[in-house]
N, C-alpha and C. Protein backbone atom coordinates (compact mmCIF):
# COMPACT_ATOMS: atom_id res chain seq x y z
N MET A 1 125.32 87.28 133.54
CA MET A 1 124.15 87.52 133.16
C MET A 1 123.97 87.07 131.43
N ALA A 2 122.92 86.39 131.34
CA ALA A 2 122.78 85.99 129.96
C ALA A 2 121.96 87.00 129.01
N THR A 3 122.41 87.11 127.80
CA THR A 3 121.77 88.01 127.04
C THR A 3 120.57 87.44 126.24
N ALA A 4 119.92 88.10 125.60
CA ALA A 4 118.60 87.57 124.73
C ALA A 4 119.16 86.61 123.71
N ARG A 5 120.19 87.05 123.12
CA ARG A 5 120.84 86.21 121.92
C ARG A 5 121.37 85.03 122.39
N SER A 6 122.10 84.94 123.59
CA SER A 6 122.65 83.61 124.00
C SER A 6 121.53 82.65 124.47
N GLU A 7 120.47 83.30 124.76
CA GLU A 7 119.32 82.34 125.41
C GLU A 7 118.53 81.89 124.13
N GLY A 8 118.77 82.24 122.94
CA GLY A 8 118.08 81.84 121.82
C GLY A 8 116.83 82.74 121.60
N LYS A 9 116.58 83.61 122.32
CA LYS A 9 115.27 84.56 122.02
C LYS A 9 115.58 85.48 121.08
N PRO A 10 114.74 85.88 120.22
CA PRO A 10 114.90 86.69 119.13
C PRO A 10 115.02 88.12 119.64
N VAL A 11 115.69 89.07 119.01
CA VAL A 11 116.20 90.41 119.45
C VAL A 11 115.08 91.13 118.80
N LEU A 12 114.47 92.09 119.49
CA LEU A 12 113.40 92.98 119.02
C LEU A 12 114.11 94.10 118.26
N ILE A 13 113.55 94.27 116.99
CA ILE A 13 114.00 95.42 116.08
C ILE A 13 112.97 96.12 115.88
N THR A 14 112.68 97.23 116.46
CA THR A 14 111.56 98.21 116.40
C THR A 14 111.32 98.76 115.06
N SER A 15 112.38 98.96 114.21
CA SER A 15 112.14 99.71 113.07
C SER A 15 112.09 98.66 111.90
N ALA A 16 112.17 97.50 112.13
CA ALA A 16 111.93 96.46 110.89
C ALA A 16 110.60 96.53 110.44
N GLU A 17 110.43 96.21 109.23
CA GLU A 17 108.89 96.01 108.59
C GLU A 17 108.46 94.64 108.90
N LYS A 18 107.19 94.36 108.72
CA LYS A 18 106.77 92.94 108.82
C LYS A 18 107.31 92.26 107.67
N SER A 19 107.46 90.87 107.99
CA SER A 19 107.75 90.13 107.08
C SER A 19 106.95 89.86 105.75
N GLN A 20 107.41 89.45 104.63
CA GLN A 20 106.52 89.40 103.50
C GLN A 20 105.23 88.33 103.78
N ASP A 21 105.68 87.27 104.62
CA ASP A 21 104.43 86.35 104.95
C ASP A 21 103.45 86.91 105.73
N GLU A 22 103.88 87.62 106.76
CA GLU A 22 102.82 88.48 107.64
C GLU A 22 102.15 89.39 106.90
N GLN A 23 102.89 90.24 105.90
CA GLN A 23 102.08 91.10 105.14
C GLN A 23 101.04 90.38 104.25
N LEU A 24 101.54 89.29 103.79
CA LEU A 24 100.59 88.60 102.70
C LEU A 24 99.26 87.91 103.58
N HIS A 25 99.77 87.31 104.81
CA HIS A 25 98.59 87.02 105.66
C HIS A 25 97.59 88.06 105.94
N ASP A 26 98.18 89.29 106.23
CA ASP A 26 97.15 90.40 106.56
C ASP A 26 96.32 90.74 105.55
N ARG A 27 96.86 90.75 104.30
CA ARG A 27 96.20 91.12 103.02
C ARG A 27 94.99 90.07 102.65
N LYS A 28 95.38 88.78 103.06
CA LYS A 28 94.48 87.64 102.79
C LYS A 28 93.37 87.77 103.71
N VAL A 29 93.52 88.14 105.04
CA VAL A 29 92.54 88.33 106.13
C VAL A 29 91.74 89.34 105.63
N ARG A 30 92.12 90.60 105.20
CA ARG A 30 91.27 91.73 104.92
C ARG A 30 90.50 91.20 103.64
N TYR A 31 91.06 90.56 102.60
CA TYR A 31 90.20 90.07 101.44
C TYR A 31 88.98 89.27 101.94
N VAL A 32 89.37 88.38 102.64
CA VAL A 32 88.40 87.29 103.12
C VAL A 32 87.25 88.10 103.89
N LEU A 33 87.66 88.97 104.77
CA LEU A 33 86.71 89.74 105.44
C LEU A 33 85.78 90.63 104.51
N LEU A 34 86.28 91.24 103.52
CA LEU A 34 85.38 91.91 102.54
C LEU A 34 84.55 91.18 101.81
N MET A 35 85.10 89.99 101.12
CA MET A 35 84.28 89.05 100.37
C MET A 35 83.33 88.51 101.30
N GLY A 36 83.48 88.33 102.53
CA GLY A 36 82.41 87.77 103.50
C GLY A 36 81.41 88.70 103.74
N THR A 37 81.61 90.01 103.72
CA THR A 37 80.73 91.08 103.87
C THR A 37 79.80 91.07 102.63
N ARG A 38 80.47 90.79 101.47
CA ARG A 38 79.68 90.58 100.22
C ARG A 38 78.67 89.49 100.28
N VAL A 39 79.19 88.42 100.63
CA VAL A 39 78.24 87.23 100.91
C VAL A 39 77.05 87.62 101.82
N VAL A 40 77.44 88.33 102.98
CA VAL A 40 76.37 88.67 103.92
C VAL A 40 75.33 89.60 103.14
N LEU A 41 75.69 90.41 102.33
CA LEU A 41 74.97 91.37 101.73
C LEU A 41 74.03 90.72 100.72
N LEU A 42 74.58 89.47 100.10
CA LEU A 42 73.73 88.73 99.07
C LEU A 42 72.61 88.06 99.96
N ILE A 43 73.12 87.65 101.06
CA ILE A 43 72.11 86.70 102.03
C ILE A 43 70.89 87.66 102.43
N VAL A 44 71.34 88.86 102.94
CA VAL A 44 70.35 89.95 103.34
C VAL A 44 69.35 90.23 102.28
N ALA A 45 70.12 90.51 101.00
CA ALA A 45 69.05 90.95 99.91
C ALA A 45 68.08 89.73 99.65
N THR A 46 68.60 88.54 99.69
CA THR A 46 67.63 87.36 99.45
C THR A 46 66.63 87.33 100.60
N VAL A 47 67.01 87.42 101.74
CA VAL A 47 65.98 87.38 102.86
C VAL A 47 65.07 88.50 102.66
N LEU A 48 65.44 89.73 102.41
CA LEU A 48 64.55 90.84 102.22
C LEU A 48 63.48 90.56 101.05
N VAL A 49 63.97 89.88 100.05
CA VAL A 49 63.05 89.68 98.86
C VAL A 49 61.99 88.57 99.29
N MET A 50 62.56 87.63 99.86
CA MET A 50 61.60 86.49 100.39
C MET A 50 60.56 86.98 101.44
N ALA A 51 60.97 87.81 102.27
CA ALA A 51 60.08 88.53 103.32
C ALA A 51 59.21 89.55 102.85
N GLU A 52 59.56 89.95 101.63
CA GLU A 52 58.86 91.15 100.99
C GLU A 52 58.75 92.25 102.05
N ALA A 53 60.03 92.66 102.50
CA ALA A 53 60.15 93.78 103.38
C ALA A 53 59.71 95.15 102.94
N PRO A 54 59.25 95.78 103.74
CA PRO A 54 58.84 97.35 103.43
C PRO A 54 60.11 97.98 103.01
N LEU A 55 60.00 98.91 102.00
CA LEU A 55 60.99 99.79 101.48
C LEU A 55 62.03 98.81 100.73
N LEU A 56 61.67 97.87 100.06
CA LEU A 56 62.49 96.84 99.46
C LEU A 56 63.06 97.63 98.25
N TRP A 57 62.64 98.59 97.59
CA TRP A 57 63.13 99.28 96.58
C TRP A 57 64.41 100.11 96.93
N VAL A 58 64.64 100.35 98.37
CA VAL A 58 65.71 101.06 98.85
C VAL A 58 66.78 99.82 99.31
N TRP A 59 66.42 98.89 99.91
CA TRP A 59 67.36 98.10 100.40
C TRP A 59 68.22 97.08 99.33
N ILE A 60 67.27 96.72 98.33
CA ILE A 60 67.88 95.79 97.25
C ILE A 60 68.97 96.61 96.36
N PRO A 61 68.82 97.89 95.99
CA PRO A 61 69.76 98.53 95.33
C PRO A 61 71.06 98.75 96.32
N LEU A 62 70.84 99.10 97.56
CA LEU A 62 71.96 99.10 98.30
C LEU A 62 72.81 97.92 98.46
N CYS A 63 72.13 96.74 98.61
CA CYS A 63 72.88 95.42 98.51
C CYS A 63 73.51 95.09 97.42
N VAL A 64 72.88 95.50 96.27
CA VAL A 64 73.38 95.05 95.04
C VAL A 64 74.68 96.05 94.71
N ALA A 65 74.59 97.42 95.17
CA ALA A 65 75.80 98.24 94.95
C ALA A 65 76.94 97.61 95.87
N GLY A 66 76.56 97.28 96.98
CA GLY A 66 77.60 96.82 97.93
C GLY A 66 78.20 95.63 97.28
N GLY A 67 77.38 94.80 96.83
CA GLY A 67 77.92 93.43 96.18
C GLY A 67 78.59 93.76 95.09
N ALA A 68 78.41 94.70 94.36
CA ALA A 68 79.21 95.05 93.08
C ALA A 68 80.47 95.66 93.45
N LEU A 69 80.51 96.70 94.43
CA LEU A 69 81.72 97.35 94.65
C LEU A 69 82.64 96.80 95.54
N LEU A 70 82.17 95.81 96.44
CA LEU A 70 83.08 95.22 97.32
C LEU A 70 84.31 94.19 96.65
N PRO A 71 84.00 93.57 95.65
CA PRO A 71 85.18 92.86 95.15
C PRO A 71 86.22 93.87 94.56
N TRP A 72 85.84 94.94 93.89
CA TRP A 72 86.75 95.98 93.54
C TRP A 72 87.56 96.62 94.72
N VAL A 73 86.84 96.83 95.76
CA VAL A 73 87.62 97.39 96.97
C VAL A 73 88.50 96.25 97.58
N ALA A 74 88.00 94.99 97.70
CA ALA A 74 88.62 93.88 98.16
C ALA A 74 90.00 93.56 97.45
N VAL A 75 90.03 93.76 96.16
CA VAL A 75 91.14 93.48 95.42
C VAL A 75 92.16 94.73 95.73
N LEU A 76 91.57 95.82 95.61
CA LEU A 76 92.61 97.01 95.95
C LEU A 76 93.20 96.86 97.23
N VAL A 77 92.38 96.62 98.42
CA VAL A 77 93.01 96.43 99.72
C VAL A 77 93.85 95.20 99.64
N ALA A 78 93.53 94.14 99.01
CA ALA A 78 94.47 92.95 99.19
C ALA A 78 95.88 93.12 98.37
N ASN A 79 95.91 94.11 97.34
CA ASN A 79 97.08 94.21 96.76
C ASN A 79 97.80 95.49 97.26
N ASP A 80 97.38 96.12 98.29
CA ASP A 80 98.01 97.23 98.85
C ASP A 80 98.88 96.70 99.99
N ARG A 81 100.12 97.34 99.93
CA ARG A 81 101.12 96.93 101.10
C ARG A 81 101.15 97.92 102.08
N PRO A 82 101.61 97.97 103.14
CA PRO A 82 101.88 98.95 104.11
C PRO A 82 102.71 100.10 103.57
N PRO A 83 102.63 101.14 103.93
CA PRO A 83 103.35 102.31 103.48
C PRO A 83 104.96 101.99 104.11
N LYS A 84 105.93 102.28 103.15
CA LYS A 84 107.28 102.22 103.73
C LYS A 84 107.63 103.29 104.68
N GLU A 85 108.43 102.82 105.55
CA GLU A 85 108.82 103.92 106.67
C GLU A 85 110.09 104.57 106.17
N GLN A 86 109.98 106.12 106.40
CA GLN A 86 111.12 106.82 106.09
C GLN A 86 112.37 106.33 106.57
N HIS A 87 113.52 106.34 105.72
CA HIS A 87 114.77 105.75 106.06
C HIS A 87 115.33 106.87 107.21
N ARG A 88 116.00 106.32 108.00
CA ARG A 88 116.46 107.31 109.07
C ARG A 88 117.57 108.13 108.64
N MET A 89 118.47 107.68 107.64
CA MET A 89 119.51 108.47 107.05
C MET A 89 119.03 109.60 106.30
N ARG A 90 117.75 109.69 105.68
CA ARG A 90 117.20 110.63 104.90
C ARG A 90 117.17 111.90 105.75
N SER A 91 116.70 111.90 106.95
CA SER A 91 116.62 113.07 107.89
C SER A 91 117.88 113.46 108.17
N TRP A 92 119.00 112.53 108.42
CA TRP A 92 120.31 113.04 108.69
C TRP A 92 120.86 113.58 107.64
N LEU A 93 120.58 113.22 106.43
CA LEU A 93 121.31 113.80 105.28
C LEU A 93 120.72 115.14 104.87
N ARG A 94 119.53 115.38 105.15
CA ARG A 94 118.90 116.67 104.87
C ARG A 94 119.15 117.79 105.86
N ARG A 95 119.94 117.39 107.06
CA ARG A 95 120.15 118.46 107.93
C ARG A 95 121.31 119.32 107.48
N THR A 96 120.97 120.63 107.73
CA THR A 96 121.94 121.58 107.20
C THR A 96 123.14 121.66 107.82
N PRO A 97 124.26 121.39 107.26
CA PRO A 97 125.62 121.41 107.99
C PRO A 97 125.92 122.88 108.30
N SER A 98 126.88 122.98 109.30
CA SER A 98 127.51 124.16 109.82
C SER A 98 128.48 124.62 108.65
N PRO A 99 128.63 126.06 108.67
CA PRO A 99 129.51 126.61 107.60
C PRO A 99 130.92 126.02 107.67
N ASP A 100 131.41 125.67 108.95
CA ASP A 100 132.63 125.17 109.07
C ASP A 100 132.85 123.70 108.51
N ASP A 101 131.72 123.05 108.38
CA ASP A 101 131.72 121.64 107.87
C ASP A 101 132.16 121.65 106.31
N PRO A 102 132.87 120.73 105.88
CA PRO A 102 133.60 120.59 104.64
C PRO A 102 132.30 120.10 103.56
N ARG A 103 131.36 119.50 103.98
CA ARG A 103 130.16 119.21 103.28
C ARG A 103 129.49 120.36 102.78
N ALA A 104 129.52 121.63 103.67
CA ALA A 104 128.81 122.70 103.30
C ALA A 104 129.29 123.40 101.95
N LEU A 105 130.46 123.11 101.44
CA LEU A 105 130.86 123.60 100.29
C LEU A 105 130.22 122.97 99.12
N THR A 106 129.92 121.77 99.26
CA THR A 106 129.15 120.93 98.11
C THR A 106 127.62 121.22 98.05
N GLN A 107 127.02 121.90 99.11
CA GLN A 107 125.72 122.08 99.21
C GLN A 107 125.11 123.47 98.86
N ARG A 108 126.11 124.41 98.53
CA ARG A 108 125.84 125.81 98.38
C ARG A 108 125.42 126.03 96.83
N GLU A 109 124.63 127.10 96.56
CA GLU A 109 124.10 127.11 95.14
C GLU A 109 125.22 127.55 94.20
N HIS A 110 125.23 127.01 93.11
CA HIS A 110 126.17 127.53 91.99
C HIS A 110 125.66 128.48 91.01
N GLN A 111 126.45 129.21 90.53
CA GLN A 111 125.97 130.19 89.61
C GLN A 111 125.94 129.68 88.23
N VAL A 112 124.77 129.75 87.60
CA VAL A 112 124.52 129.24 86.14
C VAL A 112 125.04 130.40 85.12
N VAL A 113 125.87 130.00 84.17
CA VAL A 113 126.22 130.83 83.25
C VAL A 113 125.74 130.38 82.05
N ASP A 114 124.87 131.49 81.30
CA ASP A 114 124.14 131.07 80.18
C ASP A 114 124.84 131.74 78.97
N PRO A 115 125.18 130.67 78.01
CA PRO A 115 126.19 131.23 76.90
C PRO A 115 125.35 132.36 75.90
N ASP A 116 124.26 132.38 75.82
CA ASP A 116 123.35 133.31 75.08
C ASP A 116 123.39 134.64 75.59
N GLU A 117 123.85 134.72 76.82
CA GLU A 117 123.60 136.25 77.19
C GLU A 117 124.90 137.22 76.98
């Protein structure tokens, strides 16, 4: 029986993070989507002004506010990376050892001696 490695297929590693290239691509896509939304808001504002839509005094400030805030949000989202997953060893190291375990001696509290007392 042939294994996945001998057939040339990649082995699935479930705890591995996305590659840097995949993370960069995802951030670029989010940035383009947000900036595309900004362009849509600009077009909507232009159409509303040209059509002299009712409640124009409400719609134009909303479009302008969205157009002003979206670049800031887009940059924050584009520069954000996915959160790092907790390392598996941390939970193992935080586990309280049994009293018979030699590591238990190093983890008990030490008495602090103050020279001024």
